[in-house]
Amino acid sequence: TVDEYIELVRAHIVAGSNHRFACRQLLLLGAMFDFSDTSYRKAASVFLQELMSKPPEHEVDNEGNIVVIGDGLSFGGDTEWAEAIAKLARKVHAAPGEFEEVVLAIVFY
């Protein structure tokens, strides 16, 4: 089910950097789900909001400044991660204008 898929992806995210490739592949596989069911779409939407609203990964430099790694959304600057999230979001939010609305809501949050 979509709920089990989401838990599997979360487990790989929590598992750390050694599991990033598998996690990204799982995100890409998520586009194969049928999100026509409202409850599945809602669960996936909440999960995507969580992923896209995560605080950016960062390090603290020698002077105490916070330095964002990569583009902030990607794990360690891995743009393929951001692309995988975008592809899944496009599938989940397939109604006309819905994808754009969701992305703008996150950008201007």
Foldseek 3Di string as FASTA:
>chain_A
DLVVLLVVLVVLVVVDDVSVVVSLVSLQCLLVDDLPDPVSLVVVLVSLLCLLQDFFDWDQDPVRDTDGAAPRSDDRVPVSSVVSSLSNLCSSQVPVPRSVVSVVVSVVD
